[in-house]
């Protein structure tokens, strides 16, 4: 998998594609990226600019972070459940 391109590179590539001086396929080939990738960047730029409906880049990043936090919290809850069951069992059994 190729290394991710910088946001500046993506922004400039979208600007070039929007100028419509060359076909998108040719611009993508000249930049050394896939045409589908350039089209995806253009769609995301339209969403970020408010032209299309959808999740903006910031909202998408926030959603990813929230899902990670949720996973961590679920693991912590599971650990606490197991610990409480362990200590409850320890207190019930005669010594």
PDB file of N, CA and C in Angstrom:
ATOM      1  N   UNK A   1       0.851  -1.170   0.000  1.00  0.00           N
ATOM      2  CA  UNK A   1       0.000   0.000   0.000  1.00  0.00           C
ATOM      3  C   UNK A   1       0.900   1.238   0.000  1.00  0.00           C
ATOM      4  N   UNK A   2       0.606   2.200  -0.852  1.00  0.00           N
ATOM      5  CA  UNK A   2       1.451   3.392  -0.904  1.00  0.00           C
ATOM      6  C   UNK A   2       1.287   4.254   0.340  1.00  0.00           C
ATOM      7  N   UNK A   3       2.301   5.048   0.595  1.00  0.00           N
ATOM      8  CA  UNK A   3       2.258   5.943   1.756  1.00  0.00           C
ATOM      9  C   UNK A   3       1.173   7.001   1.557  1.00  0.00           C
ATOM     10  N   UNK A   4       0.488   7.391   2.632  1.00  0.00           N
ATOM     11  CA  UNK A   4      -0.544   8.418   2.486  1.00  0.00           C
ATOM     12  C   UNK A   4       0.069   9.750   2.086  1.00  0.00           C
ATOM     13  N   UNK A   5      -0.671  10.482   1.283  1.00  0.00           N
ATOM     14  CA  UNK A   5      -0.213  11.790   0.807  1.00  0.00           C
ATOM     15  C   UNK A   5      -0.576  12.855   1.833  1.00  0.00           C
ATOM     16  N   UNK A   6       0.186  13.921   1.832  1.00  0.00           N
ATOM     17  CA  UNK A   6      -0.046  15.014   2.780  1.00  0.00           C
ATOM     18  C   UNK A   6      -1.333  15.757   2.432  1.00  0.00           C
ATOM     19  N   UNK A   7      -1.932  16.421   3.407  1.00  0.00           N
ATOM     20  CA  UNK A   7      -3.149  17.207   3.125  1.00  0.00           C
ATOM     21  C   UNK A   7      -2.908  18.307   2.083  1.00  0.00           C
ATOM     22  N   UNK A   8      -1.715  18.876   2.081  1.00  0.00           N
ATOM     23  CA  UNK A   8      -1.405  19.916   1.100  1.00  0.00           C
ATOM     24  C   UNK A   8      -1.406  19.330  -0.314  1.00  0.00           C
ATOM     25  N   UNK A   9      -0.820  18.135  -0.450  1.00  0.00           N
ATOM     26  CA  UNK A   9      -0.792  17.467  -1.748  1.00  0.00           C
ATOM     27  C   UNK A   9      -2.219  17.178  -2.215  1.00  0.00           C
ATOM     28  N   UNK A  10      -3.033  16.668  -1.314  1.00  0.00           N
ATOM     29  CA  UNK A  10      -4.420  16.352  -1.665  1.00  0.00           C
ATOM     30  C   UNK A  10      -5.184  17.609  -2.093  1.00  0.00           C
ATOM     31  N   UNK A  11      -4.998  18.675  -1.322  1.00  0.00           N
ATOM     32  CA  UNK A  11      -5.700  19.926  -1.621  1.00  0.00           C
ATOM     33  C   UNK A  11      -5.299  20.450  -2.998  1.00  0.00           C
ATOM     34  N   UNK A  12      -4.012  20.410  -3.286  1.00  0.00           N
ATOM     35  CA  UNK A  12      -3.530  20.894  -4.582  1.00  0.00           C
ATOM     36  C   UNK A  12      -4.021  19.999  -5.717  1.00  0.00           C
ATOM     37  N   UNK A  13      -4.057  18.699  -5.500  1.00  0.00           N
ATOM     38  CA  UNK A  13      -4.553  17.781  -6.521  1.00  0.00           C
ATOM     39  C   UNK A  13      -6.026  18.042  -6.822  1.00  0.00           C
ATOM     40  N   UNK A  14      -6.806  18.302  -5.786  1.00  0.00           N
ATOM     41  CA  UNK A  14      -8.228  18.610  -5.982  1.00  0.00           C
ATOM     42  C   UNK A  14      -8.381  19.922  -6.747  1.00  0.00           C
ATOM     43  N   UNK A  15      -7.561  20.917  -6.422  1.00  0.00           N
ATOM     44  CA  UNK A  15      -7.612  22.186  -7.150  1.00  0.00           C
ATOM     45  C   UNK A  15      -7.312  21.984  -8.628  1.00  0.00           C
ATOM     46  N   UNK A  16      -6.285  21.194  -8.928  1.00  0.00           N
ATOM     47  CA  UNK A  16      -5.951  20.920 -10.327  1.00  0.00           C
ATOM     48  C   UNK A  16      -7.097  20.214 -11.037  1.00  0.00           C
ATOM     49  N   UNK A  17      -7.719  19.266 -10.385  1.00  0.00           N
ATOM     50  CA  UNK A  17      -8.819  18.531 -11.002  1.00  0.00           C
ATOM     51  C   UNK A  17     -10.025  19.427 -11.235  1.00  0.00           C
ATOM     52  N   UNK A  18     -10.258  20.357 -10.333  1.00  0.00           N
ATOM     53  CA  UNK A  18     -11.407  21.250 -10.477  1.00  0.00           C
ATOM     54  C   UNK A  18     -11.218  22.277 -11.578  1.00  0.00           C
ATOM     55  N   UNK A  19      -9.988  22.558 -11.954  1.00  0.00           N
ATOM     56  CA  UNK A  19      -9.733  23.495 -13.050  1.00  0.00           C
ATOM     57  C   UNK A  19     -10.192  22.928 -14.387  1.00  0.00           C
ATOM     58  N   UNK A  20     -10.271  21.614 -14.489  1.00  0.00           N
ATOM     59  CA  UNK A  20     -10.745  20.905 -15.687  1.00  0.00           C
ATOM     60  C   UNK A  20      -9.895  21.219 -16.927  1.00  0.00           C
ATOM     61  N   UNK A  21      -8.617  21.510 -16.729  1.00  0.00           N
ATOM     62  CA  UNK A  21      -7.732  21.744 -17.873  1.00  0.00           C
ATOM     63  C   UNK A  21      -7.354  20.430 -18.547  1.00  0.00           C
ATOM     64  N   UNK A  22      -7.319  19.353 -17.773  1.00  0.00           N
ATOM     65  CA  UNK A  22      -7.023  18.012 -18.264  1.00  0.00           C
ATOM     66  C   UNK A  22      -8.059  17.074 -17.688  1.00  0.00           C
ATOM     67  N   UNK A  23      -8.231  15.913 -18.301  1.00  0.00           N
ATOM     68  CA  UNK A  23      -9.125  14.909 -17.705  1.00  0.00           C
ATOM     69  C   UNK A  23      -8.588  14.448 -16.345  1.00  0.00           C
ATOM     70  N   UNK A  24      -9.489  14.058 -15.490  1.00  0.00           N
ATOM     71  CA  UNK A  24      -9.110  13.624 -14.150  1.00  0.00           C
ATOM     72  C   UNK A  24      -8.154  12.434 -14.219  1.00  0.00           C
ATOM     73  N   UNK A  25      -8.385  11.538 -15.149  1.00  0.00           N
ATOM     74  CA  UNK A  25      -7.511  10.370 -15.290  1.00  0.00           C
ATOM     75  C   UNK A  25      -6.077  10.810 -15.597  1.00  0.00           C
ATOM     76  N   UNK A  26      -5.920  11.810 -16.443  1.00  0.00           N
ATOM     77  CA  UNK A  26      -4.585  12.290 -16.804  1.00  0.00           C
ATOM     78  C   UNK A  26      -3.914  12.993 -15.624  1.00  0.00           C
ATOM     79  N   UNK A  27      -4.669  13.783 -14.893  1.00  0.00           N
ATOM     80  CA  UNK A  27      -4.115  14.466 -13.713  1.00  0.00           C
ATOM     81  C   UNK A  27      -3.650  13.443 -12.690  1.00  0.00           C
ATOM     82  N   UNK A  28      -4.472  12.428 -12.444  1.00  0.00           N
ATOM     83  CA  UNK A  28      -4.107  11.384 -11.482  1.00  0.00           C
ATOM     84  C   UNK A  28      -2.845  10.658 -11.935  1.00  0.00           C
ATOM     85  N   UNK A  29      -2.753  10.350 -13.218  1.00  0.00           N
ATOM     86  CA  UNK A  29      -1.572   9.659 -13.745  1.00  0.00           C
ATOM     87  C   UNK A  29      -0.332  10.536 -13.591  1.00  0.00           C
ATOM     88  N   UNK A  30      -0.453  11.830 -13.893  1.00  0.00           N
ATOM     89  CA  UNK A  30       0.683  12.750 -13.771  1.00  0.00           C
ATOM     90  C   UNK A  30       1.157  12.871 -12.326  1.00  0.00           C
ATOM     91  N   UNK A  31       0.212  12.803 -11.386  1.00  0.00           N
ATOM     92  CA  UNK A  31       0.559  12.929  -9.968  1.00  0.00           C
ATOM     93  C   UNK A  31       0.984  11.595  -9.347  1.00  0.00           C
ATOM     94  N   UNK A  32       0.792  10.521 -10.070  1.00  0.00           N
ATOM     95  CA  UNK A  32       1.190   9.208  -9.567  1.00  0.00           C
ATOM     96  C   UNK A  32       0.230   8.635  -8.540  1.00  0.00           C
ATOM     97  N   UNK A  33      -1.046   8.957  -8.693  1.00  0.00           N
ATOM     98  CA  UNK A  33      -2.069   8.438  -7.783  1.00  0.00           C
ATOM     99  C   UNK A  33      -3.162   7.770  -8.605  1.00  0.00           C
ATOM    100  N   UNK A  34      -4.014   7.015  -7.948  1.00  0.00           N
ATOM    101  CA  UNK A  34      -5.119   6.342  -8.636  1.00  0.00           C
ATOM    102  C   UNK A  34      -6.233   7.349  -8.928  1.00  0.00           C
ATOM    103  N   UNK A  35      -6.871   7.152 -10.057  1.00  0.00           N
ATOM    104  CA  UNK A  35      -7.978   8.031 -10.429  1.00  0.00           C
ATOM    105  C   UNK A  35      -9.101   7.964  -9.397  1.00  0.00           C
ATOM    106  N   UNK A  36      -9.385   6.768  -8.902  1.00  0.00           N
ATOM    107  CA  UNK A  36     -10.446   6.622  -7.908  1.00  0.00           C
ATOM    108  C   UNK A  36     -10.093   7.371  -6.622  1.00  0.00           C
ATOM    109  N   UNK A  37      -8.811   7.385  -6.275  1.00  0.00           N
ATOM    110  CA  UNK A  37      -8.374   8.132  -5.094  1.00  0.00           C
ATOM    111  C   UNK A  37      -8.594   9.621  -5.256  1.00  0.00           C
ATOM    112  N   UNK A  38      -8.254  10.133  -6.432  1.00  0.00           N
ATOM    113  CA  UNK A  38      -8.457  11.561  -6.698  1.00  0.00           C
ATOM    114  C   UNK A  38      -9.947  11.908  -6.667  1.00  0.00           C
ATOM    115  N   UNK A  39     -10.763  11.049  -7.245  1.00  0.00           N
ATOM    116  CA  UNK A  39     -12.215  11.301  -7.221  1.00  0.00           C
ATOM    117  C   UNK A  39     -12.750  11.280  -5.782  1.00  0.00           C
ATOM    118  N   UNK A  40     -12.216  10.370  -4.962  1.00  0.00           N
ATOM    119  CA  UNK A  40     -12.632  10.296  -3.558  1.00  0.00           C
ATOM    120  C   UNK A  40     -12.218  11.563  -2.822  1.00  0.00           C
ATOM    121  N   UNK A  41     -11.010  12.060  -3.095  1.00  0.00           N
ATOM    122  CA  UNK A  41     -10.553  13.312  -2.479  1.00  0.00           C
ATOM    123  C   UNK A  41     -11.440  14.470  -2.900  1.00  0.00           C
ATOM    124  N   UNK A  42     -11.842  14.478  -4.173  1.00  0.00           N
ATOM    125  CA  UNK A  42     -12.719  15.559  -4.653  1.00  0.00           C
ATOM    126  C   UNK A  42     -14.075  15.506  -3.953  1.00  0.00           C
ATOM    127  N   UNK A  43     -14.609  14.306  -3.800  1.00  0.00           N
ATOM    128  CA  UNK A  43     -15.907  14.153  -3.122  1.00  0.00           C
ATOM    129  C   UNK A  43     -15.802  14.613  -1.668  1.00  0.00           C
ATOM    130  N   UNK A  44     -14.709  14.214  -0.977  1.00  0.00           N
ATOM    131  CA  UNK A  44     -14.535  14.619   0.420  1.00  0.00           C
ATOM    132  C   UNK A  44     -14.355  16.127   0.519  1.00  0.00           C
ATOM    133  N   UNK A  45     -13.663  16.734  -0.437  1.00  0.00           N
ATOM    134  CA  UNK A  45     -13.492  18.192  -0.440  1.00  0.00           C
ATOM    135  C   UNK A  45     -14.842  18.886  -0.620  1.00  0.00           C
ATOM    136  N   UNK A  46     -15.701  18.333  -1.475  1.00  0.00           N
ATOM    137  CA  UNK A  46     -17.045  18.899  -1.652  1.00  0.00           C
ATOM    138  C   UNK A  46     -17.840  18.814  -0.353  1.00  0.00           C
ATOM    139  N   UNK A  47     -17.714  17.706   0.357  1.00  0.00           N
ATOM    140  CA  UNK A  47     -18.411  17.550   1.633  1.00  0.00           C
ATOM    141  C   UNK A  47     -17.874  18.547   2.654  1.00  0.00           C
ATOM    142  N   UNK A  48     -16.530  18.671   2.714  1.00  0.00           N
ATOM    143  CA  UNK A  48     -15.912  19.611   3.663  1.00  0.00           C
ATOM    144  C   UNK A  48     -16.292  21.054   3.355  1.00  0.00           C
ATOM    145  N   UNK A  49     -16.485  21.365   2.066  1.00  0.00           N
ATOM    146  CA  UNK A  49     -16.850  22.726   1.669  1.00  0.00           C
ATOM    147  C   UNK A  49     -18.341  23.003   1.800  1.00  0.00           C
ATOM    148  N   UNK A  50     -19.113  21.973   2.119  1.00  0.00           N
ATOM    149  CA  UNK A  50     -20.550  22.145   2.302  1.00  0.00           C
ATOM    150  C   UNK A  50     -21.351  22.035   1.019  1.00  0.00           C
ATOM    151  N   UNK A  51     -20.731  21.604  -0.065  1.00  0.00           N
ATOM    152  CA  UNK A  51     -21.435  21.464  -1.334  1.00  0.00           C
ATOM    153  C   UNK A  51     -22.303  20.212  -1.336  1.00  0.00           C
ATOM    154  N   UNK A  52     -21.808  19.139  -0.714  1.00  0.00           N
ATOM    155  CA  UNK A  52     -22.541  17.878  -0.626  1.00  0.00           C
ATOM    156  C   UNK A  52     -22.814  17.545   0.830  1.00  0.00           C
ATOM    157  N   UNK A  53     -23.833  16.704   1.034  1.00  0.00           N
ATOM    158  CA  UNK A  53     -24.121  16.216   2.372  1.00  0.00           C
ATOM    159  C   UNK A  53     -23.206  15.043   2.690  1.00  0.00           C
ATOM    160  N   UNK A  54     -22.876  14.903   3.963  1.00  0.00           N
ATOM    161  CA  UNK A  54     -22.052  13.793   4.410  1.00  0.00           C
ATOM    162  C   UNK A  54     -21.214  14.199   5.605  1.00  0.00           C
ATOM    163  N   UNK A  55     -20.387  13.271   6.068  1.00  0.00           N
ATOM    164  CA  UNK A  55     -19.516  13.539   7.212  1.00  0.00           C
ATOM    165  C   UNK A  55     -18.275  14.294   6.744  1.00  0.00           C
ATOM    166  N   UNK A  56     -18.003  15.419   7.378  1.00  0.00           N
ATOM    167  CA  UNK A  56     -16.787  16.156   7.054  1.00  0.00           C
ATOM    168  C   UNK A  56     -15.586  15.407   7.616  1.00  0.00           C
ATOM    169  N   UNK A  57     -14.409  15.822   7.221  1.00  0.00           N
ATOM    170  CA  UNK A  57     -13.188  15.162   7.698  1.00  0.00           C
ATOM    171  C   UNK A  57     -13.071  15.266   9.211  1.00  0.00           C
ATOM    172  N   UNK A  58     -13.428  16.421   9.761  1.00  0.00           N
ATOM    173  CA  UNK A  58     -13.364  16.603  11.214  1.00  0.00           C
ATOM    174  C   UNK A  58     -14.361  15.700  11.926  1.00  0.00           C
ATOM    175  N   UNK A  59     -15.570  15.607  11.388  1.00  0.00           N
ATOM    176  CA  UNK A  59     -16.580  14.741  11.991  1.00  0.00           C
ATOM    177  C   UNK A  59     -16.156  13.276  11.909  1.00  0.00           C
ATOM    178  N   UNK A  60     -15.561  12.905  10.793  1.00  0.00           N
ATOM    179  CA  UNK A  60     -15.103  11.529  10.618  1.00  0.00           C
ATOM    180  C   UNK A  60     -13.995  11.197  11.619  1.00  0.00           C
ATOM    181  N   UNK A  61     -13.058  12.127  11.814  1.00  0.00           N
ATOM    182  CA  UNK A  61     -11.973  11.919  12.776  1.00  0.00           C
ATOM    183  C   UNK A  61     -12.529  11.816  14.198  1.00  0.00           C
ATOM    184  N   UNK A  62     -13.526  12.659  14.511  1.00  0.00           N
ATOM    185  CA  UNK A  62     -14.148  12.611  15.831  1.00  0.00           C
ATOM    186  C   UNK A  62     -14.867  11.279  16.042  1.00  0.00           C
ATOM    187  N   UNK A  63     -15.536  10.800  15.019  1.00  0.00           N
ATOM    188  CA  UNK A  63     -16.238   9.526  15.102  1.00  0.00           C
ATOM    189  C   UNK A  63     -15.262   8.376  15.357  1.00  0.00           C
ATOM    190  N   UNK A  64     -14.130   8.392  14.683  1.00  0.00           N
ATOM    191  CA  UNK A  64     -13.106   7.364  14.891  1.00  0.00           C
ATOM    192  C   UNK A  64     -12.620   7.397  16.338  1.00  0.00           C
ATOM    193  N   UNK A  65     -12.358   8.607  16.854  1.00  0.00           N
ATOM    194  CA  UNK A  65     -11.877   8.746  18.228  1.00  0.00           C
ATOM    195  C   UNK A  65     -12.932   8.277  19.234  1.00  0.00           C
ATOM    196  N   UNK A  66     -14.171   8.612  18.991  1.00  0.00           N
ATOM    197  CA  UNK A  66     -15.249   8.184  19.893  1.00  0.00           C
ATOM    198  C   UNK A  66     -15.395   6.665  19.901  1.00  0.00           C
ATOM    199  N   UNK A  67     -15.247   6.040  18.751  1.00  0.00           N
ATOM    200  CA  UNK A  67     -15.349   4.582  18.689  1.00  0.00           C
ATOM    201  C   UNK A  67     -14.200   3.930  19.449  1.00  0.00           C
ATOM    202  N   UNK A  68     -13.005   4.510  19.349  1.00  0.00           N
ATOM    203  CA  UNK A  68     -11.865   3.977  20.110  1.00  0.00           C
ATOM    204  C   UNK A  68     -12.120   4.118  21.606  1.00  0.00           C
ATOM    205  N   UNK A  69     -12.590   5.293  22.016  1.00  0.00           N
ATOM    206  CA  UNK A  69     -12.875   5.522  23.431  1.00  0.00           C
ATOM    207  C   UNK A  69     -13.936   4.548  23.940  1.00  0.00           C
ATOM    208  N   UNK A  70     -14.956   4.302  23.130  1.00  0.00           N
ATOM    209  CA  UNK A  70     -16.020   3.376  23.506  1.00  0.00           C
ATOM    210  C   UNK A  70     -15.470   1.974  23.715  1.00  0.00           C
ATOM    211  N   UNK A  71     -14.591   1.542  22.811  1.00  0.00           N
ATOM    212  CA  UNK A  71     -13.991   0.220  22.936  1.00  0.00           C
ATOM    213  C   UNK A  71     -13.183   0.101  24.225  1.00  0.00           C
ATOM    214  N   UNK A  72     -12.431   1.136  24.566  1.00  0.00           N
ATOM    215  CA  UNK A  72     -11.636   1.123  25.797  1.00  0.00           C
ATOM    216  C   UNK A  72     -12.555   1.049  27.012  1.00  0.00           C
ATOM    217  N   UNK A  73     -13.605   1.855  27.013  1.00  0.00           N
ATOM    218  CA  UNK A  73     -14.540   1.845  28.137  1.00  0.00           C
ATOM    219  C   UNK A  73     -15.225   0.490  28.295  1.00  0.00           C
ATOM    220  N   UNK A  74     -15.582  -0.136  27.177  1.00  0.00           N
ATOM    221  CA  UNK A  74     -16.207  -1.459  27.251  1.00  0.00           C
ATOM    222  C   UNK A  74     -15.242  -2.477  27.852  1.00  0.00           C
ATOM    223  N   UNK A  75     -13.971  -2.398  27.480  1.00  0.00           N
ATOM    224  CA  UNK A  75     -12.980  -3.315  28.065  1.00  0.00           C
ATOM    225  C   UNK A  75     -12.817  -3.047  29.556  1.00  0.00           C
ATOM    226  N   UNK A  76     -12.804  -1.779  29.962  1.00  0.00           N
ATOM    227  CA  UNK A  76     -12.678  -1.450  31.382  1.00  0.00           C
ATOM    228  C   UNK A  76     -13.872  -1.970  32.178  1.00  0.00           C
ATOM    229  N   UNK A  77     -15.066  -1.838  31.618  1.00  0.00           N
ATOM    230  CA  UNK A  77     -16.272  -2.339  32.287  1.00  0.00           C
ATOM    231  C   UNK A  77     -16.188  -3.853  32.448  1.00  0.00           C
ATOM    232  N   UNK A  78     -15.731  -4.547  31.400  1.00  0.00           N
ATOM    233  CA  UNK A  78     -15.607  -6.007  31.476  1.00  0.00           C
ATOM    234  C   UNK A  78     -14.606  -6.416  32.560  1.00  0.00           C
ATOM    235  N   UNK A  79     -13.501  -5.705  32.654  1.00  0.00           N
ATOM    236  CA  UNK A  79     -12.498  -5.992  33.692  1.00  0.00           C
ATOM    237  C   UNK A  79     -13.097  -5.784  35.078  1.00  0.00           C
ATOM    238  N   UNK A  80     -13.840  -4.695  35.265  1.00  0.00           N
ATOM    239  CA  UNK A  80     -14.462  -4.420  36.555  1.00  0.00           C
ATOM    240  C   UNK A  80     -15.514  -5.467  36.917  1.00  0.00           C
ATOM    241  N   UNK A  81     -16.266  -5.938  35.936  1.00  0.00           N
ATOM    242  CA  UNK A  81     -17.254  -6.989  36.193  1.00  0.00           C
ATOM    243  C   UNK A  81     -16.579  -8.262  36.677  1.00  0.00           C
ATOM    244  N   UNK A  82     -15.496  -8.617  35.994  1.00  0.00           N
ATOM    245  CA  UNK A  82     -14.788  -9.842  36.382  1.00  0.00           C
ATOM    246  C   UNK A  82     -14.147  -9.694  37.760  1.00  0.00           C
ATOM    247  N   UNK A  83     -13.614  -8.520  38.035  1.00  0.00           N
ATOM    248  CA  UNK A  83     -12.991  -8.300  39.345  1.00  0.00           C
ATOM    249  C   UNK A  83     -14.038  -8.339  40.451  1.00  0.00           C
ATOM    250  N   UNK A  84     -15.186  -7.718  40.213  1.00  0.00           N
ATOM    251  CA  UNK A  84     -16.224  -7.724  41.252  1.00  0.00           C
ATOM    252  C   UNK A  84     -16.756  -9.141  41.475  1.00  0.00           C
ATOM    253  N   UNK A  85     -16.878  -9.936  40.418  1.00  0.00           N
ATOM    254  CA  UNK A  85     -17.325 -11.322  40.575  1.00  0.00           C
ATOM    255  C   UNK A  85     -16.287 -12.128  41.346  1.00  0.00           C
ATOM    256  N   UNK A  86     -15.027 -11.886  41.090  1.00  0.00           N
ATOM    257  CA  UNK A  86     -13.951 -12.592  41.793  1.00  0.00           C
ATOM    258  C   UNK A  86     -13.978 -12.274  43.285  1.00  0.00           C
ATOM    259  N   UNK A  87     -14.060 -10.978  43.604  1.00  0.00           N
ATOM    260  CA  UNK A  87     -14.047 -10.600  45.018  1.00  0.00           C
ATOM    261  C   UNK A  87     -15.347 -10.980  45.724  1.00  0.00           C
ATOM    262  N   UNK A  88     -16.465 -10.978  45.015  1.00  0.00           N
ATOM    263  CA  UNK A  88     -17.730 -11.395  45.631  1.00  0.00           C
ATOM    264  C   UNK A  88     -17.678 -12.892  45.951  1.00  0.00           C
ATOM    265  N   UNK A  89     -17.099 -13.683  45.072  1.00  0.00           N
ATOM    266  CA  UNK A  89     -16.977 -15.122  45.295  1.00  0.00           C
ATOM    267  C   UNK A  89     -16.030 -15.388  46.469  1.00  0.00           C
ATOM    268  N   UNK A  90     -15.002 -14.575  46.606  1.00  0.00           N
ATOM    269  CA  UNK A  90     -14.040 -14.736  47.678  1.00  0.00           C
ATOM    270  C   UNK A  90     -14.685 -14.478  49.045  1.00  0.00           C
ATOM    271  N   UNK A  91     -15.623 -13.553  49.107  1.00  0.00           N
ATOM    272  CA  UNK A  91     -16.273 -13.197  50.368  1.00  0.00           C
ATOM    273  C   UNK A  91     -17.367 -14.188  50.750  1.00  0.00           C
ATOM    274  N   UNK A  92     -17.901 -14.934  49.823  1.00  0.00           N
ATOM    275  CA  UNK A  92     -18.995 -15.853  50.095  1.00  0.00           C
ATOM    276  C   UNK A  92     -18.482 -17.190  50.620  1.00  0.00           C
ATOM    277  N   UNK A  93     -17.400 -17.685  50.106  1.00  0.00           N
ATOM    278  CA  UNK A  93     -16.871 -18.994  50.497  1.00  0.00           C
ATOM    279  C   UNK A  93     -16.288 -18.952  51.899  1.00  0.00           C
ATOM    280  N   UNK A  94     -16.538 -20.003  52.697  1.00  0.00           N
ATOM    281  CA  UNK A  94     -15.956 -20.054  54.044  1.00  0.00           C
ATOM    282  C   UNK A  94     -14.447 -20.286  53.962  1.00  0.00           C
ATOM    283  N   UNK A  95     -13.772 -19.773  54.975  1.00  0.00           N
ATOM    284  CA  UNK A  95     -12.308 -19.909  54.982  1.00  0.00           C
ATOM    285  C   UNK A  95     -11.838 -20.960  55.929  1.00  0.00           C
TER     286      UNK A  95
END
